[in-house]
N, C-alpha and C. Protein backbone atom coordinates (compact mmCIF):
# COMPACT_ATOMS: atom_id res chain seq x y z
N MET A 1 -92.41 145.91 207.06
CA MET A 1 -92.87 146.18 205.71
C MET A 1 -92.57 147.64 205.35
N LYS A 2 -91.96 147.83 204.21
CA LYS A 2 -91.64 149.18 203.75
C LYS A 2 -92.91 149.84 203.23
N ARG A 3 -93.16 151.06 203.70
CA ARG A 3 -94.35 151.78 203.27
C ARG A 3 -94.15 152.33 201.86
N ASP A 4 -95.20 152.31 201.11
CA ASP A 4 -95.19 152.86 199.76
C ASP A 4 -95.78 154.26 199.82
N TYR A 5 -94.93 155.26 199.75
CA TYR A 5 -95.40 156.63 199.90
C TYR A 5 -96.14 157.14 198.67
N ILE A 6 -96.25 156.31 197.65
CA ILE A 6 -97.04 156.70 196.50
C ILE A 6 -98.51 156.88 196.89
N GLU A 7 -98.92 156.22 197.98
CA GLU A 7 -100.32 156.33 198.41
C GLU A 7 -100.67 157.78 198.75
N PHE A 8 -99.68 158.63 199.04
CA PHE A 8 -99.95 160.02 199.37
C PHE A 8 -99.94 160.91 198.13
N GLN A 9 -99.65 160.33 196.99
CA GLN A 9 -99.61 161.11 195.76
C GLN A 9 -100.93 160.95 195.02
N ASP A 10 -101.16 161.85 194.10
CA ASP A 10 -102.40 161.83 193.32
C ASP A 10 -102.35 160.69 192.31
N ARG A 11 -103.27 159.76 192.43
CA ARG A 11 -103.36 158.67 191.47
C ARG A 11 -104.62 158.79 190.63
N SER A 12 -105.21 159.97 190.59
CA SER A 12 -106.41 160.13 189.79
C SER A 12 -106.08 160.40 188.33
N VAL A 13 -104.86 160.89 188.09
CA VAL A 13 -104.43 161.17 186.72
C VAL A 13 -103.02 160.61 186.54
N ALA A 14 -102.86 159.74 185.58
CA ALA A 14 -101.54 159.16 185.31
C ALA A 14 -100.63 160.23 184.70
N LYS A 15 -99.34 160.15 185.02
CA LYS A 15 -98.36 161.06 184.44
C LYS A 15 -97.96 160.60 183.03
N GLY A 16 -98.17 159.34 182.75
CA GLY A 16 -97.83 158.81 181.44
C GLY A 16 -98.23 157.35 181.35
N TYR A 17 -97.89 156.75 180.22
CA TYR A 17 -98.23 155.35 179.97
C TYR A 17 -97.05 154.64 179.31
N LEU A 18 -96.88 153.38 179.66
CA LEU A 18 -95.99 152.49 178.91
C LEU A 18 -96.91 151.62 178.07
N ILE A 19 -96.82 151.80 176.77
CA ILE A 19 -97.68 151.08 175.83
C ILE A 19 -96.81 150.11 175.04
N THR A 20 -97.25 148.84 175.02
CA THR A 20 -96.53 147.81 174.29
C THR A 20 -97.53 147.05 173.43
N PHE A 21 -97.18 146.84 172.17
CA PHE A 21 -98.02 145.99 171.31
C PHE A 21 -97.12 145.15 170.42
N ARG A 22 -97.63 143.96 170.12
CA ARG A 22 -96.85 142.95 169.40
C ARG A 22 -97.29 142.84 167.95
N CYS A 23 -96.36 142.37 167.15
CA CYS A 23 -96.68 142.04 165.77
C CYS A 23 -97.54 140.77 165.76
N TYR A 24 -98.36 140.66 164.75
CA TYR A 24 -99.30 139.56 164.62
C TYR A 24 -98.58 138.21 164.63
N GLY A 25 -99.08 137.32 165.49
CA GLY A 25 -98.64 135.93 165.49
C GLY A 25 -97.30 135.65 166.12
N THR A 26 -96.70 136.63 166.81
CA THR A 26 -95.36 136.42 167.35
C THR A 26 -95.34 135.95 168.80
N TRP A 27 -96.50 135.91 169.45
CA TRP A 27 -96.56 135.43 170.84
C TRP A 27 -97.96 134.90 171.08
N LEU A 28 -98.12 133.62 170.91
CA LEU A 28 -99.44 132.99 170.98
C LEU A 28 -99.73 132.48 172.39
N HIS A 29 -101.01 132.34 172.71
CA HIS A 29 -101.40 131.75 174.00
C HIS A 29 -100.76 130.36 174.12
N GLY A 30 -100.25 130.08 175.30
CA GLY A 30 -99.58 128.81 175.55
C GLY A 30 -98.08 128.87 175.31
N ASP A 31 -97.58 130.00 174.82
CA ASP A 31 -96.15 130.18 174.59
C ASP A 31 -95.41 130.03 175.91
N GLU A 32 -94.19 129.52 175.86
CA GLU A 32 -93.40 129.29 177.08
C GLU A 32 -93.06 130.59 177.81
N ARG A 33 -93.13 131.74 177.12
CA ARG A 33 -92.86 133.02 177.77
C ARG A 33 -94.02 133.47 178.66
N GLY A 34 -95.14 132.77 178.56
CA GLY A 34 -96.32 133.12 179.35
C GLY A 34 -97.23 134.05 178.58
N SER A 35 -98.50 134.03 178.89
CA SER A 35 -99.47 134.92 178.25
C SER A 35 -100.69 135.04 179.15
N VAL A 36 -101.54 135.98 178.82
CA VAL A 36 -102.78 136.18 179.56
C VAL A 36 -103.93 136.17 178.56
N ASP A 37 -105.11 135.92 179.08
CA ASP A 37 -106.31 136.01 178.25
C ASP A 37 -107.22 137.07 178.84
N ARG A 38 -108.30 137.39 178.15
CA ARG A 38 -109.20 138.43 178.62
C ARG A 38 -110.08 137.97 179.77
N ARG A 39 -110.26 136.67 179.93
CA ARG A 39 -111.26 136.19 180.86
C ARG A 39 -110.72 135.81 182.24
N PHE A 40 -109.66 135.01 182.30
CA PHE A 40 -109.23 134.45 183.58
C PHE A 40 -107.87 134.92 184.06
N HIS A 41 -106.99 135.30 183.16
CA HIS A 41 -105.59 135.54 183.53
C HIS A 41 -105.15 136.99 183.39
N ASN A 42 -106.06 137.91 183.25
CA ASN A 42 -105.70 139.31 183.02
C ASN A 42 -106.05 140.18 184.22
N LYS A 43 -105.76 139.67 185.39
CA LYS A 43 -105.99 140.41 186.62
C LYS A 43 -104.68 140.46 187.40
N VAL A 44 -104.50 141.52 188.16
CA VAL A 44 -103.28 141.66 188.96
C VAL A 44 -103.15 140.46 189.88
N GLY A 45 -101.99 139.83 189.85
CA GLY A 45 -101.73 138.69 190.71
C GLY A 45 -102.21 137.36 190.17
N ALA A 46 -102.99 137.38 189.09
CA ALA A 46 -103.46 136.12 188.51
C ALA A 46 -102.31 135.41 187.81
N PRO A 47 -102.28 134.08 187.84
CA PRO A 47 -101.21 133.36 187.14
C PRO A 47 -101.37 133.50 185.63
N LYS A 48 -100.25 133.40 184.94
CA LYS A 48 -100.29 133.41 183.48
C LYS A 48 -100.75 132.05 182.97
N ILE A 49 -101.12 132.00 181.71
CA ILE A 49 -101.48 130.74 181.08
C ILE A 49 -100.25 129.85 181.07
N LYS A 50 -100.41 128.61 181.45
CA LYS A 50 -99.28 127.68 181.50
C LYS A 50 -98.82 127.34 180.08
N PRO A 51 -97.50 127.16 179.91
CA PRO A 51 -97.00 126.77 178.59
C PRO A 51 -97.66 125.48 178.12
N ASN A 52 -98.02 125.46 176.84
CA ASN A 52 -98.70 124.30 176.29
C ASN A 52 -98.49 124.30 174.78
N THR A 53 -97.67 123.38 174.28
CA THR A 53 -97.35 123.35 172.85
C THR A 53 -98.59 123.05 172.00
N GLU A 54 -99.52 122.24 172.53
CA GLU A 54 -100.75 121.95 171.78
C GLU A 54 -101.58 123.21 171.59
N THR A 55 -101.65 124.05 172.64
CA THR A 55 -102.39 125.31 172.52
C THR A 55 -101.73 126.22 171.50
N VAL A 56 -100.41 126.30 171.54
CA VAL A 56 -99.68 127.14 170.58
C VAL A 56 -99.98 126.67 169.16
N GLU A 57 -99.91 125.38 168.92
CA GLU A 57 -100.17 124.85 167.57
C GLU A 57 -101.61 125.10 167.14
N ARG A 58 -102.55 124.95 168.06
CA ARG A 58 -103.96 125.20 167.73
C ARG A 58 -104.15 126.67 167.37
N LYS A 59 -103.54 127.57 168.14
CA LYS A 59 -103.63 129.01 167.85
C LYS A 59 -102.95 129.34 166.52
N ARG A 60 -101.83 128.68 166.23
CA ARG A 60 -101.13 128.91 164.97
C ARG A 60 -102.00 128.51 163.78
N ARG A 61 -102.71 127.38 163.92
CA ARG A 61 -103.60 126.94 162.83
C ARG A 61 -104.76 127.91 162.61
N LEU A 62 -105.17 128.62 163.65
CA LEU A 62 -106.27 129.57 163.55
C LEU A 62 -105.86 130.93 162.99
N MET A 63 -104.56 131.14 162.85
CA MET A 63 -104.09 132.44 162.35
C MET A 63 -104.58 132.68 160.93
N LYS A 64 -104.86 133.95 160.64
CA LYS A 64 -105.38 134.35 159.33
C LYS A 64 -104.28 134.72 158.35
N GLY A 65 -103.05 134.53 158.77
CA GLY A 65 -101.91 134.85 157.91
C GLY A 65 -100.63 134.50 158.63
N ASP A 66 -99.53 134.82 158.00
CA ASP A 66 -98.22 134.54 158.59
C ASP A 66 -97.92 135.48 159.76
N ALA A 67 -97.05 135.01 160.63
CA ALA A 67 -96.55 135.87 161.70
C ALA A 67 -95.75 137.00 161.06
N VAL A 68 -95.79 138.17 161.70
CA VAL A 68 -95.15 139.37 161.14
C VAL A 68 -93.89 139.71 161.92
N LEU A 69 -92.80 139.88 161.20
CA LEU A 69 -91.56 140.42 161.76
C LEU A 69 -91.21 141.68 160.98
N LEU A 70 -90.76 142.69 161.68
CA LEU A 70 -90.44 143.97 161.04
C LEU A 70 -88.96 144.05 160.70
N ASP A 71 -88.66 144.34 159.45
CA ASP A 71 -87.26 144.57 159.06
C ASP A 71 -86.90 146.02 159.37
N SER A 72 -85.70 146.43 159.04
CA SER A 72 -85.25 147.77 159.42
C SER A 72 -86.09 148.86 158.76
N GLU A 73 -86.48 148.68 157.50
CA GLU A 73 -87.32 149.68 156.82
C GLU A 73 -88.69 149.78 157.51
N SER A 74 -89.26 148.64 157.82
CA SER A 74 -90.57 148.63 158.49
C SER A 74 -90.49 149.27 159.86
N ARG A 75 -89.44 148.96 160.60
CA ARG A 75 -89.28 149.53 161.94
C ARG A 75 -89.16 151.05 161.87
N GLN A 76 -88.43 151.55 160.89
CA GLN A 76 -88.29 153.01 160.74
C GLN A 76 -89.63 153.65 160.38
N LEU A 77 -90.40 153.00 159.51
CA LEU A 77 -91.72 153.52 159.15
C LEU A 77 -92.65 153.55 160.36
N VAL A 78 -92.61 152.50 161.17
CA VAL A 78 -93.46 152.45 162.37
C VAL A 78 -93.06 153.57 163.34
N GLU A 79 -91.77 153.75 163.55
CA GLU A 79 -91.34 154.81 164.46
C GLU A 79 -91.76 156.19 163.95
N THR A 80 -91.57 156.42 162.66
CA THR A 80 -91.97 157.71 162.07
C THR A 80 -93.47 157.93 162.21
N ALA A 81 -94.27 156.88 162.00
CA ALA A 81 -95.72 156.99 162.13
C ALA A 81 -96.13 157.32 163.56
N ILE A 82 -95.49 156.69 164.53
CA ILE A 82 -95.81 156.96 165.93
C ILE A 82 -95.42 158.39 166.30
N ARG A 83 -94.29 158.84 165.79
CA ARG A 83 -93.89 160.22 166.04
C ARG A 83 -94.91 161.20 165.42
N GLU A 84 -95.45 160.84 164.27
CA GLU A 84 -96.47 161.68 163.62
C GLU A 84 -97.75 161.73 164.46
N VAL A 85 -98.18 160.58 164.98
CA VAL A 85 -99.36 160.56 165.86
C VAL A 85 -99.15 161.53 167.01
N CYS A 86 -98.00 161.45 167.64
CA CYS A 86 -97.70 162.29 168.80
C CYS A 86 -97.75 163.77 168.43
N LYS A 87 -97.20 164.10 167.28
CA LYS A 87 -97.19 165.50 166.83
C LYS A 87 -98.61 165.98 166.52
N VAL A 88 -99.36 165.19 165.77
CA VAL A 88 -100.71 165.57 165.35
C VAL A 88 -101.66 165.67 166.55
N ARG A 89 -101.55 164.73 167.48
CA ARG A 89 -102.50 164.67 168.60
C ARG A 89 -102.02 165.35 169.87
N GLY A 90 -100.81 165.87 169.84
CA GLY A 90 -100.30 166.60 171.01
C GLY A 90 -99.83 165.72 172.14
N TYR A 91 -99.45 164.48 171.84
CA TYR A 91 -98.89 163.59 172.86
C TYR A 91 -97.41 163.93 173.02
N ARG A 92 -96.91 163.81 174.22
CA ARG A 92 -95.47 164.00 174.44
C ARG A 92 -94.80 162.64 174.43
N LEU A 93 -94.05 162.36 173.38
CA LEU A 93 -93.32 161.11 173.25
C LEU A 93 -92.08 161.19 174.15
N ILE A 94 -91.99 160.25 175.09
CA ILE A 94 -90.87 160.24 176.02
C ILE A 94 -89.81 159.23 175.59
N ALA A 95 -90.24 158.06 175.13
CA ALA A 95 -89.30 157.04 174.66
C ALA A 95 -90.03 156.12 173.68
N ILE A 96 -89.26 155.58 172.74
CA ILE A 96 -89.81 154.63 171.77
C ILE A 96 -88.73 153.62 171.41
N ASN A 97 -89.15 152.38 171.21
CA ASN A 97 -88.25 151.34 170.74
C ASN A 97 -89.08 150.37 169.90
N VAL A 98 -88.85 150.40 168.60
CA VAL A 98 -89.54 149.51 167.68
C VAL A 98 -88.64 148.32 167.43
N ARG A 99 -89.07 147.15 167.85
CA ARG A 99 -88.30 145.92 167.72
C ARG A 99 -88.84 145.11 166.53
N THR A 100 -88.23 143.97 166.29
CA THR A 100 -88.67 143.15 165.15
C THR A 100 -90.07 142.57 165.37
N ASN A 101 -90.43 142.31 166.63
CA ASN A 101 -91.72 141.67 166.87
C ASN A 101 -92.62 142.41 167.86
N HIS A 102 -92.21 143.59 168.32
CA HIS A 102 -93.06 144.37 169.20
C HIS A 102 -92.58 145.82 169.26
N VAL A 103 -93.43 146.66 169.84
CA VAL A 103 -93.16 148.09 169.94
C VAL A 103 -93.40 148.52 171.39
N HIS A 104 -92.47 149.32 171.94
CA HIS A 104 -92.64 149.94 173.26
C HIS A 104 -92.67 151.44 173.07
N VAL A 105 -93.62 152.10 173.74
CA VAL A 105 -93.70 153.55 173.70
C VAL A 105 -94.01 154.05 175.11
N VAL A 106 -93.27 155.05 175.55
CA VAL A 106 -93.62 155.77 176.78
C VAL A 106 -94.11 157.14 176.32
N VAL A 107 -95.32 157.44 176.72
CA VAL A 107 -95.96 158.68 176.27
C VAL A 107 -96.64 159.36 177.45
N ASN A 108 -96.69 160.68 177.38
CA ASN A 108 -97.33 161.48 178.42
C ASN A 108 -98.51 162.19 177.77
N LYS A 109 -99.70 161.80 178.15
CA LYS A 109 -100.90 162.43 177.61
C LYS A 109 -102.09 162.04 178.46
N MET A 110 -102.96 162.96 178.71
CA MET A 110 -104.18 162.63 179.42
C MET A 110 -105.10 161.91 178.44
N GLY A 111 -105.91 161.03 178.94
CA GLY A 111 -106.80 160.26 178.10
C GLY A 111 -106.55 158.79 178.34
N THR A 112 -107.13 157.96 177.53
CA THR A 112 -106.98 156.52 177.73
C THR A 112 -105.82 155.97 176.91
N PRO A 113 -105.00 155.13 177.51
CA PRO A 113 -103.87 154.57 176.77
C PRO A 113 -104.34 153.64 175.65
N GLU A 114 -105.50 153.04 175.79
CA GLU A 114 -106.02 152.16 174.75
C GLU A 114 -106.26 152.94 173.46
N ARG A 115 -106.83 154.14 173.60
CA ARG A 115 -107.08 154.97 172.41
C ARG A 115 -105.76 155.42 171.78
N ILE A 116 -104.79 155.76 172.62
CA ILE A 116 -103.47 156.16 172.11
C ILE A 116 -102.84 154.99 171.36
N MET A 117 -102.89 153.78 171.95
CA MET A 117 -102.33 152.60 171.31
C MET A 117 -103.02 152.33 169.97
N ASP A 118 -104.34 152.44 169.94
CA ASP A 118 -105.07 152.23 168.69
C ASP A 118 -104.61 153.21 167.62
N SER A 119 -104.35 154.45 168.00
CA SER A 119 -103.85 155.45 167.05
C SER A 119 -102.47 155.07 166.53
N PHE A 120 -101.60 154.63 167.44
CA PHE A 120 -100.26 154.20 167.03
C PHE A 120 -100.36 153.08 166.00
N LYS A 121 -101.18 152.08 166.30
CA LYS A 121 -101.32 150.93 165.39
C LYS A 121 -101.90 151.36 164.05
N ALA A 122 -102.91 152.22 164.07
CA ALA A 122 -103.55 152.65 162.83
C ALA A 122 -102.59 153.43 161.94
N TYR A 123 -101.90 154.42 162.50
CA TYR A 123 -100.94 155.20 161.72
C TYR A 123 -99.82 154.31 161.18
N ALA A 124 -99.31 153.41 162.03
CA ALA A 124 -98.23 152.53 161.61
C ALA A 124 -98.67 151.58 160.50
N THR A 125 -99.87 151.03 160.65
CA THR A 125 -100.39 150.13 159.61
C THR A 125 -100.54 150.87 158.29
N ARG A 126 -101.10 152.07 158.33
CA ARG A 126 -101.26 152.86 157.11
C ARG A 126 -99.91 153.13 156.46
N ALA A 127 -98.91 153.48 157.26
CA ALA A 127 -97.57 153.75 156.71
C ALA A 127 -96.98 152.51 156.06
N LEU A 128 -97.12 151.36 156.70
CA LEU A 128 -96.59 150.11 156.15
C LEU A 128 -97.30 149.72 154.86
N ARG A 129 -98.61 149.93 154.81
CA ARG A 129 -99.37 149.58 153.59
C ARG A 129 -99.12 150.58 152.47
N THR A 130 -98.98 151.85 152.81
CA THR A 130 -98.67 152.86 151.80
C THR A 130 -97.33 152.58 151.14
N ALA A 131 -96.39 152.05 151.91
CA ALA A 131 -95.07 151.70 151.39
C ALA A 131 -95.08 150.33 150.70
N ASN A 132 -96.25 149.73 150.58
CA ASN A 132 -96.42 148.41 149.94
C ASN A 132 -95.62 147.31 150.62
N LEU A 133 -95.43 147.43 151.93
CA LEU A 133 -94.73 146.39 152.67
C LEU A 133 -95.69 145.34 153.21
N PHE A 134 -96.95 145.70 153.32
CA PHE A 134 -97.99 144.78 153.77
C PHE A 134 -99.24 145.01 152.94
N GLY A 135 -99.92 143.91 152.62
CA GLY A 135 -101.15 144.01 151.86
C GLY A 135 -102.32 144.44 152.72
N THR A 136 -103.41 144.81 152.08
CA THR A 136 -104.58 145.31 152.80
C THR A 136 -105.26 144.23 153.63
N GLU A 137 -105.08 142.98 153.29
CA GLU A 137 -105.72 141.90 154.04
C GLU A 137 -104.81 141.31 155.13
N GLN A 138 -103.55 141.67 155.11
CA GLN A 138 -102.61 141.07 156.04
C GLN A 138 -102.72 141.71 157.43
N MET A 139 -102.83 140.87 158.45
CA MET A 139 -102.83 141.35 159.83
C MET A 139 -101.40 141.79 160.17
N VAL A 140 -101.27 142.95 160.81
CA VAL A 140 -99.95 143.46 161.18
C VAL A 140 -99.72 143.35 162.68
N TRP A 141 -100.75 143.64 163.47
CA TRP A 141 -100.60 143.70 164.93
C TRP A 141 -101.51 142.69 165.60
N SER A 142 -101.07 142.22 166.75
CA SER A 142 -101.93 141.34 167.55
C SER A 142 -103.05 142.18 168.15
N ARG A 143 -104.07 141.51 168.65
CA ARG A 143 -105.18 142.20 169.27
C ARG A 143 -104.71 142.86 170.56
N HIS A 144 -105.10 144.07 170.78
CA HIS A 144 -104.82 144.89 171.96
C HIS A 144 -103.31 145.00 172.21
N GLY A 145 -102.87 144.84 173.45
CA GLY A 145 -101.49 145.03 173.85
C GLY A 145 -101.45 145.28 175.34
N SER A 146 -100.39 145.90 175.81
CA SER A 146 -100.24 146.19 177.23
C SER A 146 -100.25 147.70 177.42
N THR A 147 -101.04 148.16 178.37
CA THR A 147 -101.14 149.58 178.67
C THR A 147 -100.92 149.76 180.17
N ARG A 148 -99.74 150.20 180.53
CA ARG A 148 -99.40 150.38 181.95
C ARG A 148 -99.44 151.85 182.31
N TYR A 149 -100.13 152.12 183.40
CA TYR A 149 -100.22 153.49 183.90
C TYR A 149 -98.96 153.82 184.69
N LEU A 150 -98.41 155.00 184.45
CA LEU A 150 -97.21 155.47 185.14
C LEU A 150 -97.63 156.65 186.01
N TRP A 151 -97.62 156.45 187.32
CA TRP A 151 -98.18 157.41 188.26
C TRP A 151 -97.18 158.44 188.76
N THR A 152 -95.89 158.13 188.72
CA THR A 152 -94.88 159.03 189.29
C THR A 152 -93.74 159.25 188.30
N ASP A 153 -92.90 160.23 188.60
CA ASP A 153 -91.71 160.45 187.78
C ASP A 153 -90.79 159.24 187.83
N ASP A 154 -90.72 158.58 188.99
CA ASP A 154 -89.91 157.37 189.11
C ASP A 154 -90.44 156.26 188.21
N HIS A 155 -91.76 156.14 188.11
CA HIS A 155 -92.35 155.15 187.21
C HIS A 155 -91.96 155.45 185.76
N ILE A 156 -92.05 156.72 185.40
CA ILE A 156 -91.68 157.12 184.03
C ILE A 156 -90.20 156.82 183.78
N ASP A 157 -89.35 157.18 184.73
CA ASP A 157 -87.91 156.92 184.58
C ASP A 157 -87.64 155.42 184.42
N SER A 158 -88.31 154.59 185.21
CA SER A 158 -88.12 153.14 185.11
C SER A 158 -88.61 152.62 183.76
N ALA A 159 -89.73 153.13 183.29
CA ALA A 159 -90.25 152.70 181.98
C ALA A 159 -89.30 153.10 180.86
N VAL A 160 -88.77 154.31 180.92
CA VAL A 160 -87.82 154.77 179.90
C VAL A 160 -86.57 153.90 179.92
N GLU A 161 -86.07 153.61 181.10
CA GLU A 161 -84.89 152.74 181.22
C GLU A 161 -85.15 151.39 180.57
N TYR A 162 -86.31 150.82 180.84
CA TYR A 162 -86.69 149.52 180.27
C TYR A 162 -86.80 149.60 178.75
N VAL A 163 -87.46 150.63 178.25
CA VAL A 163 -87.68 150.76 176.80
C VAL A 163 -86.37 151.02 176.06
N VAL A 164 -85.55 151.89 176.60
CA VAL A 164 -84.32 152.30 175.90
C VAL A 164 -83.17 151.31 176.11
N HIS A 165 -83.01 150.80 177.33
CA HIS A 165 -81.84 149.99 177.65
C HIS A 165 -82.14 148.54 177.99
N GLY A 166 -83.39 148.19 178.18
CA GLY A 166 -83.73 146.85 178.63
C GLY A 166 -84.18 145.90 177.55
N GLN A 167 -83.90 146.23 176.30
CA GLN A 167 -84.40 145.42 175.20
C GLN A 167 -83.31 144.63 174.47
N GLY A 168 -82.13 144.64 174.98
CA GLY A 168 -81.04 143.93 174.30
C GLY A 168 -80.19 144.90 173.53
N GLY A 169 -79.32 144.36 172.72
CA GLY A 169 -78.36 145.17 171.98
C GLY A 169 -78.96 145.85 170.77
N GLU A 170 -78.06 146.28 169.91
CA GLU A 170 -78.47 146.93 168.67
C GLU A 170 -79.32 145.99 167.82
N MET A 171 -80.23 146.57 167.08
CA MET A 171 -81.10 145.79 166.21
C MET A 171 -80.35 145.32 164.97
N PRO A 172 -80.61 144.10 164.52
CA PRO A 172 -80.02 143.65 163.25
C PRO A 172 -80.63 144.43 162.08
N ARG A 173 -79.91 144.57 161.01
CA ARG A 173 -80.37 145.36 159.87
C ARG A 173 -81.30 144.59 158.94
N PHE A 174 -81.09 143.30 158.73
CA PHE A 174 -81.91 142.47 157.83
C PHE A 174 -81.94 142.97 156.41
N ASP A 175 -80.98 143.77 156.01
CA ASP A 175 -80.99 144.32 154.64
C ASP A 175 -79.98 143.60 153.77
């Protein structure tokens, strides 16, 4: 068994976070890509929720609005808003990739990644609504998201590689 020498490094303070959040309604429980819930499937090593078309349809019927996809204008506004959060709050933005149905951000800041993610979503939502691209009642983001702690420079490098190069080709313009 190969030893993991990270155990000798300080894990009391993360060097950064990989934060991912999805647009509303674009990945429902029971989706074939897999999903987790807050109660049974959100633990390390726990299996994901099994694909189930009936569950997906039931979740779709419960939605409070249409699924959200971001066009090029919306994606640019979201990126600008996240950059503003980082500037205002003193976060060091390491990498960002705003996709049509989700956002990835690698950021270096002490504190909780959940609070950072909430700030990203709030600023982005305000920017989208100010530009009249979304109404005040329309849901823009799914609940919560993924917050991964990055403990080493290698973790940060891997997260940046994934965010910048692991998302597919160039984004379509939709204009």
